[in-house]
Amino acid sequence: SQEVKGRGGGGPLGAGSARVAVCVWHPRLAAMDDARKLLDSLMGGARDASLEEAEKSKGKQFTVDNVCKPYLLGFCPQHELSNSKLVTKRKLGECRKVHSDAMKKEYETSPDKATYRAKYEKQFLPFLESQIREADAWVSRERANVQKTASQYENEKTTISSMPDSVRDQIESMTKDMNKMMSSAEDCAESGDIEGSRFKVELSEEIKERITELQDAHPDYTVNLREEWVCDVCGTRTEAVTEKNTARFQAHFTGKVHLGYAKIREWVRDIRKRQRDASVVRLKKEEEQDKDDQRRRHSRSRDKKVRETEKEKEKEKQRESERQREEKEKRRREEAAEKVRERVKEKLAPKEKESSRGKDKEKEKEKEKEKEREKDKEKESSRTSKAKAAAVSPERREAKEKKASAREEEKEKDRGKKKKAVEKSRSRSRERTKKARK
């Protein structure tokens, strides 16, 4: 480093000075860097780590930042096309990370390969898309240059095929297979094997799609014989095909630049397809997860209702048992109270008997006194009636005597009824006492 002092003056960190780093390249440094990369590719980036650190990072050394992730995926454009025009003219750049087959093997055997692949492809896709945008820019720019001279040779045109002979042979064999598959599908349909016919038709459709992909990857071009031609894949401008330069023109399609951009475009298509498929799978999983969540919520709500009904049943049983317990307790209390009442009655029975006997005696005495009073009244009335009868005519006397005899008969009937009522009351009291004793 070197300190540069400006007009402002000041020290090394002042406003008028700046420290400039000058990097000197040396062959030894480049050789050491190459040796380090070679060791990293053979032994891994953790070759200098301790045993404990190596054990911890075992199986995950490919996740280190200095390992080239596109190389792990299978295609590092900067590494494969390092000696082509893409590095010098197209600004592809140079990959300074480690390209290790050991790391690639470790990545291939990782249990989380699918997760890492999706992550690395997501990081790799913007770089590939930028290269395709640059190639499309080259195509549009070179075509604009070619159009300036194209009007002079409009009548001299020819069709050029960019398809190599190996690909053409492959398409021919695939076409034969497709035709055989269709004929066998027709035979299966005629024999009644609908499932076999459908399966073979699907296989023929897949073969047809593969043929279409190969034809799209190697299209035919119509050009003027003397004009310049621009490749749609890589944007390279070359002399149009003639009888003299056919081999040189076909050599373009096997060149590093063309093959590199063709591979880049193919990788972009494949990554986008995988991402779409992954998004479809993710959406299906989310839908299934939502359905599972709904089923779980439904089952939880159903289980909750079942638990609530069971709790209600248990509460009802508890209430019923409490009710039965209360009824038993009530009956027990009533029985105890009845026993107490019976004991009290047994204790009070002799006193009641004595009191009832005393009352009966008093009633008999009162009845005797009443009888005596009635007898006295009758005597007095008989005396008065006799006295009146002495003064009354014999006919009246007889009538009065009849009335008196009738009254006495009625009184005798009343006395008999009263005696019967007294006897009934006594018999009822005797029955009550017997029941109380029992």
Foldseek 3Di string as FASTA:
>chain_A
DDKDAAPVDDDSPDPRIDDDDDDDDDPVVVVVLVVVLVCCQEPNPCPVPDPVVCVVCPLPSCVDPLHDPVLLVPDDLQVVCVPDVCVVPVVLHHRSGHNHPVSSVSLVPRPCNVVSVLVSLVVCLVSLVVLQVSQQVLQVVVVVVQVVPQVVQVPAKDKAWLADPVLVVVLVVLVVVLVVLQVVLVVCVVVPNPVSSVVSPVVSVVSVVVSVVSCVLIDMDMGGQATWDADNQRSDIDGHDDPVCPVVVNVVSVDPRNVSSSVSVVSSVVSVVVVVVVVVVVVVVVVVVVVVVVVVVVVVVVVVVVVVVVVVVVVVVVVVVVVVVVVVVVVVVVVVVVVVVLVVCVVCVVVVVVVVVVVVVVVVVVVVVVVVVVVVVVVVVVVVLVVVVVVDDPVVNVVVVVVVVVVVVVVVVVVVVVVVVVVVVVVVVVVVSVVSVD
